[in-house]
N, C-alpha and C. Protein backbone atom coordinates (compact mmCIF):
# COMPACT_ATOMS: atom_id res chain seq x y z
N MET A 1 -5.82 4.02 10.11
CA MET A 1 -5.97 4.65 8.81
C MET A 1 -4.66 4.56 8.04
N ILE A 2 -4.75 4.55 6.75
CA ILE A 2 -3.59 4.58 5.86
C ILE A 2 -3.63 5.89 5.09
N THR A 3 -2.53 6.62 5.12
CA THR A 3 -2.43 7.91 4.48
C THR A 3 -1.82 7.75 3.09
N VAL A 4 -2.29 8.54 2.14
CA VAL A 4 -1.80 8.50 0.76
C VAL A 4 -1.20 9.86 0.42
N THR A 5 0.09 9.87 0.05
CA THR A 5 0.73 11.13 -0.32
C THR A 5 0.26 11.57 -1.70
N GLU A 6 0.55 12.81 -2.02
CA GLU A 6 0.18 13.35 -3.33
C GLU A 6 0.88 12.58 -4.46
N ALA A 7 2.14 12.21 -4.25
CA ALA A 7 2.88 11.46 -5.27
C ALA A 7 2.25 10.09 -5.50
N ALA A 8 1.85 9.41 -4.43
CA ALA A 8 1.20 8.10 -4.55
C ALA A 8 -0.15 8.24 -5.24
N LYS A 9 -0.88 9.30 -4.91
CA LYS A 9 -2.18 9.54 -5.54
C LYS A 9 -2.03 9.72 -7.05
N LYS A 10 -1.09 10.56 -7.46
CA LYS A 10 -0.89 10.82 -8.89
C LYS A 10 -0.53 9.53 -9.64
N GLN A 11 0.37 8.74 -9.06
CA GLN A 11 0.78 7.51 -9.74
C GLN A 11 -0.36 6.50 -9.79
N ALA A 12 -1.11 6.38 -8.71
CA ALA A 12 -2.24 5.44 -8.68
C ALA A 12 -3.27 5.83 -9.73
N LEU A 13 -3.61 7.10 -9.81
CA LEU A 13 -4.58 7.56 -10.81
C LEU A 13 -4.07 7.32 -12.23
N ARG A 14 -2.77 7.55 -12.44
CA ARG A 14 -2.17 7.32 -13.76
C ARG A 14 -2.26 5.84 -14.15
N LEU A 15 -1.94 4.95 -13.22
CA LEU A 15 -1.99 3.51 -13.50
C LEU A 15 -3.43 3.04 -13.75
N MET A 16 -4.37 3.55 -12.98
CA MET A 16 -5.77 3.17 -13.19
C MET A 16 -6.25 3.64 -14.55
N GLU A 17 -5.85 4.85 -14.93
CA GLU A 17 -6.25 5.39 -16.23
C GLU A 17 -5.61 4.58 -17.36
N ASP A 18 -4.34 4.21 -17.20
CA ASP A 18 -3.64 3.42 -18.21
C ASP A 18 -4.32 2.07 -18.42
N ASP A 19 -4.87 1.50 -17.35
CA ASP A 19 -5.58 0.22 -17.45
C ASP A 19 -6.97 0.39 -18.05
N GLY A 20 -7.43 1.65 -18.14
CA GLY A 20 -8.74 1.91 -18.71
C GLY A 20 -9.88 1.42 -17.84
N LYS A 21 -9.62 1.31 -16.55
CA LYS A 21 -10.65 0.81 -15.64
C LYS A 21 -11.10 1.91 -14.70
N GLU A 22 -12.38 1.89 -14.39
CA GLU A 22 -12.94 2.86 -13.48
C GLU A 22 -13.38 2.16 -12.20
N ASN A 23 -13.62 2.93 -11.18
CA ASN A 23 -14.10 2.43 -9.89
C ASN A 23 -13.11 1.47 -9.23
N LEU A 24 -11.83 1.68 -9.49
CA LEU A 24 -10.82 0.86 -8.83
C LEU A 24 -10.37 1.53 -7.54
N PHE A 25 -9.87 0.74 -6.63
CA PHE A 25 -9.26 1.27 -5.42
C PHE A 25 -7.95 0.52 -5.20
N ILE A 26 -7.14 1.03 -4.28
CA ILE A 26 -5.88 0.38 -3.94
C ILE A 26 -6.14 -0.62 -2.84
N ARG A 27 -5.70 -1.84 -3.06
CA ARG A 27 -5.78 -2.88 -2.02
C ARG A 27 -4.35 -3.12 -1.54
N VAL A 28 -4.14 -2.93 -0.23
CA VAL A 28 -2.83 -3.20 0.35
C VAL A 28 -2.96 -4.32 1.37
N GLY A 29 -1.87 -5.03 1.58
CA GLY A 29 -1.90 -6.13 2.53
C GLY A 29 -0.49 -6.53 2.92
N VAL A 30 -0.44 -7.54 3.77
CA VAL A 30 0.82 -8.09 4.27
C VAL A 30 0.75 -9.60 4.13
N GLN A 31 1.85 -10.21 3.72
CA GLN A 31 1.93 -11.67 3.67
C GLN A 31 3.31 -12.09 4.18
N GLY A 32 3.41 -13.31 4.63
CA GLY A 32 4.69 -13.83 5.10
C GLY A 32 5.66 -13.97 3.95
N GLY A 33 6.94 -13.66 4.22
CA GLY A 33 7.97 -13.81 3.20
C GLY A 33 8.95 -12.67 3.24
N GLY A 34 9.84 -12.65 2.29
CA GLY A 34 10.85 -11.61 2.23
C GLY A 34 11.97 -11.85 3.22
N CYS A 35 13.00 -11.07 3.13
CA CYS A 35 14.17 -11.29 3.98
C CYS A 35 13.94 -10.85 5.42
N SER A 36 12.91 -10.07 5.69
CA SER A 36 12.64 -9.63 7.06
C SER A 36 11.43 -10.33 7.69
N GLY A 37 10.75 -11.18 6.96
CA GLY A 37 9.65 -11.96 7.53
C GLY A 37 8.27 -11.64 7.01
N LEU A 38 8.00 -10.38 6.71
CA LEU A 38 6.69 -9.97 6.19
C LEU A 38 6.90 -9.10 4.96
N MET A 39 6.04 -9.28 3.96
CA MET A 39 6.13 -8.51 2.72
C MET A 39 4.86 -7.70 2.50
N TYR A 40 5.04 -6.51 1.93
CA TYR A 40 3.90 -5.68 1.56
C TYR A 40 3.31 -6.16 0.24
N GLN A 41 2.00 -6.00 0.09
CA GLN A 41 1.32 -6.27 -1.17
C GLN A 41 0.55 -5.02 -1.56
N LEU A 42 0.50 -4.73 -2.84
CA LEU A 42 -0.28 -3.62 -3.36
C LEU A 42 -0.83 -4.03 -4.70
N ASP A 43 -2.14 -3.80 -4.88
CA ASP A 43 -2.79 -4.14 -6.14
C ASP A 43 -3.97 -3.21 -6.31
N PHE A 44 -4.55 -3.21 -7.49
CA PHE A 44 -5.78 -2.48 -7.73
C PHE A 44 -6.92 -3.48 -7.77
N ASP A 45 -8.06 -3.09 -7.21
CA ASP A 45 -9.19 -4.00 -7.09
C ASP A 45 -10.46 -3.19 -7.25
N ASN A 46 -11.58 -3.87 -7.44
CA ASN A 46 -12.86 -3.18 -7.51
C ASN A 46 -13.93 -3.88 -6.68
N GLU A 47 -13.51 -4.86 -5.89
CA GLU A 47 -14.48 -5.62 -5.09
C GLU A 47 -13.98 -5.77 -3.65
N GLU A 48 -14.77 -5.24 -2.73
CA GLU A 48 -14.44 -5.40 -1.31
C GLU A 48 -14.88 -6.78 -0.83
N LYS A 49 -14.13 -7.30 0.14
CA LYS A 49 -14.43 -8.61 0.71
C LYS A 49 -14.90 -8.44 2.15
N GLU A 50 -15.57 -9.45 2.66
CA GLU A 50 -16.06 -9.41 4.02
C GLU A 50 -14.88 -9.23 4.99
N GLY A 51 -15.02 -8.31 5.91
CA GLY A 51 -13.99 -8.05 6.90
C GLY A 51 -12.97 -7.00 6.48
N ASP A 52 -13.04 -6.51 5.24
CA ASP A 52 -12.11 -5.47 4.79
C ASP A 52 -12.32 -4.18 5.56
N LYS A 53 -11.25 -3.44 5.73
CA LYS A 53 -11.31 -2.08 6.27
C LYS A 53 -11.07 -1.14 5.10
N ALA A 54 -11.93 -0.16 4.95
CA ALA A 54 -11.82 0.78 3.84
C ALA A 54 -11.60 2.20 4.36
N PHE A 55 -10.71 2.93 3.70
CA PHE A 55 -10.39 4.30 4.06
C PHE A 55 -10.34 5.13 2.79
N GLU A 56 -10.50 6.42 2.94
CA GLU A 56 -10.27 7.32 1.82
C GLU A 56 -9.39 8.45 2.31
N ASP A 57 -8.30 8.66 1.60
CA ASP A 57 -7.39 9.75 1.94
C ASP A 57 -6.91 10.38 0.65
N ASN A 58 -6.89 11.69 0.63
CA ASN A 58 -6.39 12.44 -0.53
C ASN A 58 -7.12 12.04 -1.81
N GLY A 59 -8.40 11.67 -1.66
CA GLY A 59 -9.21 11.33 -2.82
C GLY A 59 -9.00 9.92 -3.34
N ILE A 60 -8.24 9.09 -2.62
CA ILE A 60 -7.96 7.72 -3.04
C ILE A 60 -8.53 6.76 -2.00
N LYS A 61 -9.27 5.78 -2.47
CA LYS A 61 -9.80 4.75 -1.58
C LYS A 61 -8.76 3.65 -1.42
N VAL A 62 -8.51 3.27 -0.16
CA VAL A 62 -7.57 2.21 0.17
C VAL A 62 -8.31 1.17 0.99
N VAL A 63 -8.16 -0.09 0.61
CA VAL A 63 -8.83 -1.20 1.29
C VAL A 63 -7.77 -2.17 1.80
N VAL A 64 -7.97 -2.63 3.03
CA VAL A 64 -7.02 -3.54 3.68
C VAL A 64 -7.80 -4.68 4.30
N ASP A 65 -7.30 -5.92 4.16
CA ASP A 65 -7.96 -7.03 4.84
C ASP A 65 -7.73 -6.88 6.35
N LYS A 66 -8.61 -7.49 7.13
CA LYS A 66 -8.62 -7.30 8.58
C LYS A 66 -7.29 -7.69 9.23
N LYS A 67 -6.70 -8.80 8.82
CA LYS A 67 -5.45 -9.26 9.41
C LYS A 67 -4.30 -8.30 9.10
N SER A 68 -4.19 -7.89 7.84
CA SER A 68 -3.12 -6.98 7.44
C SER A 68 -3.24 -5.62 8.12
N TYR A 69 -4.46 -5.19 8.37
CA TYR A 69 -4.68 -3.88 8.98
C TYR A 69 -3.92 -3.75 10.29
N LEU A 70 -3.85 -4.81 11.07
CA LEU A 70 -3.16 -4.76 12.35
C LEU A 70 -1.68 -4.41 12.18
N TYR A 71 -1.09 -4.81 11.06
CA TYR A 71 0.31 -4.51 10.78
C TYR A 71 0.51 -3.14 10.13
N LEU A 72 -0.56 -2.59 9.54
CA LEU A 72 -0.43 -1.39 8.72
C LEU A 72 -1.04 -0.13 9.33
N ILE A 73 -1.54 -0.21 10.55
CA ILE A 73 -2.15 0.97 11.19
C ILE A 73 -1.14 2.12 11.20
N GLY A 74 -1.55 3.26 10.68
CA GLY A 74 -0.71 4.45 10.68
C GLY A 74 0.28 4.54 9.54
N THR A 75 0.23 3.61 8.60
CA THR A 75 1.17 3.60 7.48
C THR A 75 0.85 4.69 6.47
N THR A 76 1.90 5.24 5.88
CA THR A 76 1.76 6.20 4.78
C THR A 76 2.21 5.52 3.50
N LEU A 77 1.39 5.62 2.47
CA LEU A 77 1.73 5.09 1.15
C LEU A 77 2.27 6.24 0.32
N ASP A 78 3.50 6.08 -0.16
CA ASP A 78 4.16 7.12 -0.94
C ASP A 78 4.61 6.51 -2.27
N PHE A 79 5.10 7.34 -3.15
CA PHE A 79 5.65 6.87 -4.43
C PHE A 79 6.93 7.61 -4.70
N SER A 80 7.94 6.87 -5.16
CA SER A 80 9.22 7.47 -5.49
C SER A 80 9.58 7.13 -6.93
N GLY A 81 9.94 8.12 -7.67
CA GLY A 81 10.39 7.91 -9.04
C GLY A 81 11.86 8.28 -9.17
N GLY A 82 12.57 8.32 -8.05
CA GLY A 82 13.96 8.75 -8.03
C GLY A 82 14.93 7.73 -8.56
N LEU A 83 16.20 8.05 -8.45
CA LEU A 83 17.27 7.21 -8.97
C LEU A 83 17.41 5.89 -8.21
N ASN A 84 17.00 5.85 -6.96
CA ASN A 84 17.13 4.63 -6.16
C ASN A 84 16.05 3.60 -6.45
N GLY A 85 15.24 3.84 -7.40
CA GLY A 85 14.18 2.89 -7.72
C GLY A 85 12.88 3.62 -7.90
N LYS A 86 11.98 2.95 -8.53
CA LYS A 86 10.70 3.56 -8.82
C LYS A 86 9.62 2.64 -8.30
N GLY A 87 8.74 3.19 -7.50
CA GLY A 87 7.66 2.37 -7.03
C GLY A 87 6.98 2.95 -5.80
N PHE A 88 5.97 2.24 -5.36
CA PHE A 88 5.25 2.62 -4.15
C PHE A 88 6.08 2.25 -2.94
N ILE A 89 6.03 3.10 -1.93
CA ILE A 89 6.81 2.92 -0.71
C ILE A 89 5.86 2.93 0.47
N PHE A 90 6.02 1.97 1.36
CA PHE A 90 5.25 1.91 2.60
C PHE A 90 6.10 2.49 3.72
N LYS A 91 5.61 3.55 4.35
CA LYS A 91 6.28 4.13 5.53
C LYS A 91 5.47 3.68 6.73
N ASN A 92 5.94 2.59 7.34
CA ASN A 92 5.18 1.90 8.38
C ASN A 92 5.81 2.17 9.75
N PRO A 93 5.10 2.92 10.61
CA PRO A 93 5.64 3.22 11.94
C PRO A 93 5.71 1.99 12.85
N ASN A 94 5.05 0.92 12.49
CA ASN A 94 5.03 -0.30 13.30
C ASN A 94 6.22 -1.22 13.02
N ALA A 95 6.90 -1.01 11.90
CA ALA A 95 8.01 -1.87 11.50
C ALA A 95 9.23 -1.57 12.37
N GLU A 96 9.74 -2.61 13.02
CA GLU A 96 10.94 -2.45 13.83
C GLU A 96 12.20 -2.64 13.01
N ARG A 97 12.09 -3.40 11.92
CA ARG A 97 13.23 -3.67 11.06
C ARG A 97 12.73 -3.81 9.63
N THR A 98 13.46 -3.25 8.69
CA THR A 98 13.11 -3.40 7.28
C THR A 98 14.35 -3.87 6.52
N CYS A 99 14.11 -4.48 5.38
CA CYS A 99 15.23 -4.91 4.54
C CYS A 99 15.75 -3.70 3.76
N GLY A 100 16.85 -3.87 3.08
CA GLY A 100 17.47 -2.79 2.33
C GLY A 100 16.60 -2.23 1.23
N CYS A 101 15.80 -3.08 0.60
CA CYS A 101 14.97 -2.61 -0.51
C CYS A 101 13.64 -2.02 -0.02
N GLY A 102 13.29 -2.23 1.24
CA GLY A 102 12.06 -1.68 1.80
C GLY A 102 10.81 -2.46 1.48
N GLU A 103 10.96 -3.64 0.87
CA GLU A 103 9.79 -4.43 0.50
C GLU A 103 9.34 -5.42 1.57
N SER A 104 10.18 -5.61 2.59
CA SER A 104 9.76 -6.50 3.68
C SER A 104 10.13 -5.88 5.01
N PHE A 105 9.50 -6.38 6.08
CA PHE A 105 9.70 -5.80 7.40
C PHE A 105 9.41 -6.84 8.46
N SER A 106 9.74 -6.50 9.69
CA SER A 106 9.38 -7.35 10.83
C SER A 106 8.93 -6.45 11.97
N LEU A 107 8.20 -7.05 12.90
CA LEU A 107 7.70 -6.28 14.05
C LEU A 107 8.45 -6.68 15.29
């Protein structure tokens, strides 16, 4: 399962409302790249694909492709608007190493 903090929920709802779209969910995934080997992906989507894993936490639906799910089990999605940067943050208990910006990781 992927957990969504209250801060991430508020920002996701705000972005969906700004886009004027309804019935959207958060799609998260992992792809090769970045300075640590794997990079997080986050987007809004409205169509599930075959093999997707879907969860709902804190009133937000999160969908992950089957391959990425193996890397993201137990991850918490948070949002920071602080001085160190603004954006969604993945708190991944499976990551053994992360880069300084937190956008890539390795196992």
